[in-house]
């Protein structure tokens, strides 16, 4: 999973921890909650920013 994410994006060394967290979330069918907008570039990762009120409102609908 990690290899697939790395090959589909231009990840630098400091992005490897993000890839690892994203891969874990994908493998376990989880949403990744983070305020780091870099997760948006990984299309396979379901990512939400818990501090973004727009996302919070959309989740309640």
N, C-alpha and C. Protein backbone atom coordinates (compact mmCIF):
# COMPACT_ATOMS: atom_id res chain seq x y z
N UNK A 1 0.83 -1.19 0.00
CA UNK A 1 0.00 0.00 0.00
C UNK A 1 0.88 1.26 0.00
N UNK A 2 1.89 1.26 0.82
CA UNK A 2 2.77 2.43 0.89
C UNK A 2 3.43 2.67 -0.46
N UNK A 3 3.92 1.60 -1.09
CA UNK A 3 4.56 1.74 -2.40
C UNK A 3 3.61 2.34 -3.43
N UNK A 4 2.35 1.92 -3.38
CA UNK A 4 1.37 2.42 -4.34
C UNK A 4 1.13 3.92 -4.15
N UNK A 5 1.02 4.36 -2.90
CA UNK A 5 0.81 5.78 -2.64
C UNK A 5 2.03 6.59 -3.06
N UNK A 6 3.21 6.09 -2.71
CA UNK A 6 4.44 6.81 -3.07
C UNK A 6 4.59 6.93 -4.58
N UNK A 7 4.29 5.86 -5.30
CA UNK A 7 4.45 5.90 -6.75
C UNK A 7 3.40 6.78 -7.44
N UNK A 8 2.26 7.01 -6.79
CA UNK A 8 1.22 7.82 -7.42
C UNK A 8 1.35 9.31 -7.09
N UNK A 9 2.29 9.68 -6.22
CA UNK A 9 2.51 11.08 -5.87
C UNK A 9 4.00 11.36 -5.87
N UNK A 10 4.35 12.61 -5.72
CA UNK A 10 5.77 12.98 -5.66
C UNK A 10 6.14 13.24 -4.20
N UNK A 11 6.27 12.18 -3.45
CA UNK A 11 6.55 12.28 -2.02
C UNK A 11 8.04 12.50 -1.80
N UNK A 12 8.34 13.47 -0.95
CA UNK A 12 9.72 13.70 -0.51
C UNK A 12 9.91 13.00 0.83
N UNK A 13 11.13 12.99 1.32
CA UNK A 13 11.47 12.27 2.55
C UNK A 13 10.60 12.68 3.73
N UNK A 14 10.31 13.97 3.87
CA UNK A 14 9.51 14.41 5.02
C UNK A 14 8.03 14.04 4.88
N UNK A 15 7.61 13.54 3.72
CA UNK A 15 6.22 13.11 3.52
C UNK A 15 5.99 11.64 3.79
N UNK A 16 7.06 10.89 4.02
CA UNK A 16 6.92 9.45 4.24
C UNK A 16 6.06 9.14 5.46
N UNK A 17 6.20 9.85 6.59
CA UNK A 17 5.30 9.56 7.72
C UNK A 17 3.82 9.76 7.36
N UNK A 18 3.51 10.77 6.54
CA UNK A 18 2.13 10.98 6.10
C UNK A 18 1.65 9.81 5.26
N UNK A 19 2.51 9.32 4.39
CA UNK A 19 2.16 8.17 3.55
C UNK A 19 1.90 6.95 4.42
N UNK A 20 2.73 6.76 5.41
CA UNK A 20 2.55 5.62 6.31
C UNK A 20 1.21 5.70 7.04
N UNK A 21 0.88 6.87 7.59
CA UNK A 21 -0.41 7.04 8.26
C UNK A 21 -1.57 6.84 7.29
N UNK A 22 -1.43 7.37 6.09
CA UNK A 22 -2.48 7.20 5.08
C UNK A 22 -2.68 5.74 4.72
N UNK A 23 -1.59 5.01 4.56
CA UNK A 23 -1.67 3.59 4.22
C UNK A 23 -2.35 2.80 5.34
N UNK A 24 -2.02 3.11 6.58
CA UNK A 24 -2.67 2.44 7.71
C UNK A 24 -4.17 2.72 7.72
N UNK A 25 -4.55 3.96 7.47
CA UNK A 25 -5.97 4.31 7.44
C UNK A 25 -6.70 3.55 6.33
N UNK A 26 -6.08 3.48 5.15
CA UNK A 26 -6.69 2.75 4.03
C UNK A 26 -6.84 1.27 4.37
N UNK A 27 -5.77 0.67 4.87
CA UNK A 27 -5.79 -0.76 5.16
C UNK A 27 -6.82 -1.14 6.21
N UNK A 28 -7.12 -0.22 7.12
CA UNK A 28 -8.07 -0.52 8.18
C UNK A 28 -9.44 0.10 7.95
N UNK A 29 -9.63 0.73 6.78
CA UNK A 29 -10.92 1.31 6.43
C UNK A 29 -11.33 2.48 7.32
N UNK A 30 -10.35 3.28 7.71
CA UNK A 30 -10.60 4.39 8.62
C UNK A 30 -10.49 5.74 7.93
N UNK A 31 -11.11 6.75 8.53
CA UNK A 31 -10.92 8.13 8.10
C UNK A 31 -9.73 8.68 8.86
N UNK A 32 -8.88 9.39 8.18
CA UNK A 32 -7.74 10.01 8.81
C UNK A 32 -8.13 11.42 9.22
N UNK A 33 -7.99 11.74 10.48
CA UNK A 33 -8.33 13.07 11.01
C UNK A 33 -7.04 13.83 11.26
N UNK A 34 -6.87 14.95 10.59
CA UNK A 34 -5.67 15.74 10.73
C UNK A 34 -5.93 17.16 10.24
N UNK A 35 -5.19 18.10 10.79
CA UNK A 35 -5.27 19.48 10.31
C UNK A 35 -4.23 19.73 9.22
N UNK A 36 -3.46 18.72 8.87
CA UNK A 36 -2.42 18.83 7.84
C UNK A 36 -3.04 18.71 6.45
N UNK A 37 -3.05 19.79 5.67
CA UNK A 37 -3.69 19.74 4.36
C UNK A 37 -2.95 18.87 3.34
N UNK A 38 -1.75 18.42 3.65
CA UNK A 38 -1.01 17.56 2.73
C UNK A 38 -1.73 16.24 2.46
N UNK A 39 -2.59 15.79 3.38
CA UNK A 39 -3.30 14.54 3.17
C UNK A 39 -4.28 14.61 2.00
N UNK A 40 -4.67 15.82 1.61
CA UNK A 40 -5.60 15.98 0.49
C UNK A 40 -5.01 15.51 -0.83
N UNK A 41 -3.68 15.45 -0.92
CA UNK A 41 -3.07 15.02 -2.19
C UNK A 41 -3.06 13.51 -2.38
N UNK A 42 -3.46 12.77 -1.37
CA UNK A 42 -3.53 11.31 -1.49
C UNK A 42 -4.98 10.91 -1.74
N UNK A 43 -5.30 10.67 -2.99
CA UNK A 43 -6.69 10.45 -3.40
C UNK A 43 -7.35 9.25 -2.70
N UNK A 44 -6.58 8.25 -2.38
CA UNK A 44 -7.14 7.04 -1.77
C UNK A 44 -7.46 7.21 -0.28
N UNK A 45 -6.90 8.23 0.34
CA UNK A 45 -7.08 8.43 1.78
C UNK A 45 -8.35 9.24 2.03
N UNK A 46 -9.22 8.71 2.89
CA UNK A 46 -10.37 9.47 3.34
C UNK A 46 -9.89 10.35 4.48
N UNK A 47 -9.80 11.64 4.21
CA UNK A 47 -9.19 12.59 5.13
C UNK A 47 -10.17 13.66 5.53
N UNK A 48 -10.23 13.97 6.81
CA UNK A 48 -11.05 15.08 7.28
C UNK A 48 -10.23 15.94 8.24
N UNK A 49 -10.51 17.22 8.19
CA UNK A 49 -9.90 18.16 9.11
C UNK A 49 -10.93 18.40 10.22
N UNK A 50 -10.65 17.94 11.44
CA UNK A 50 -11.64 18.07 12.51
C UNK A 50 -11.93 19.51 12.91
N UNK A 51 -11.09 20.45 12.50
CA UNK A 51 -11.30 21.85 12.84
C UNK A 51 -12.02 22.62 11.73
N UNK A 52 -12.30 21.96 10.62
CA UNK A 52 -12.98 22.59 9.50
C UNK A 52 -14.49 22.47 9.72
N UNK A 53 -15.13 23.57 10.05
CA UNK A 53 -16.55 23.55 10.35
C UNK A 53 -17.40 23.13 9.16
N UNK A 54 -16.94 23.41 7.95
CA UNK A 54 -17.71 23.01 6.75
C UNK A 54 -17.79 21.50 6.67
N UNK A 55 -16.70 20.81 6.96
CA UNK A 55 -16.72 19.34 6.93
C UNK A 55 -17.60 18.80 8.04
N UNK A 56 -17.57 19.44 9.19
CA UNK A 56 -18.38 19.00 10.32
C UNK A 56 -19.86 19.11 9.98
N UNK A 57 -20.26 20.21 9.35
CA UNK A 57 -21.65 20.41 8.94
C UNK A 57 -22.07 19.39 7.89
N UNK A 58 -21.18 19.11 6.94
CA UNK A 58 -21.49 18.15 5.87
C UNK A 58 -21.69 16.76 6.44
N UNK A 59 -20.97 16.41 7.48
CA UNK A 59 -21.08 15.10 8.09
C UNK A 59 -22.38 14.89 8.83
N UNK A 60 -23.02 15.98 9.22
CA UNK A 60 -24.29 15.88 9.97
C UNK A 60 -25.49 15.72 9.06
N UNK A 61 -25.33 16.04 7.79
CA UNK A 61 -26.47 16.01 6.86
C UNK A 61 -26.93 14.61 6.59
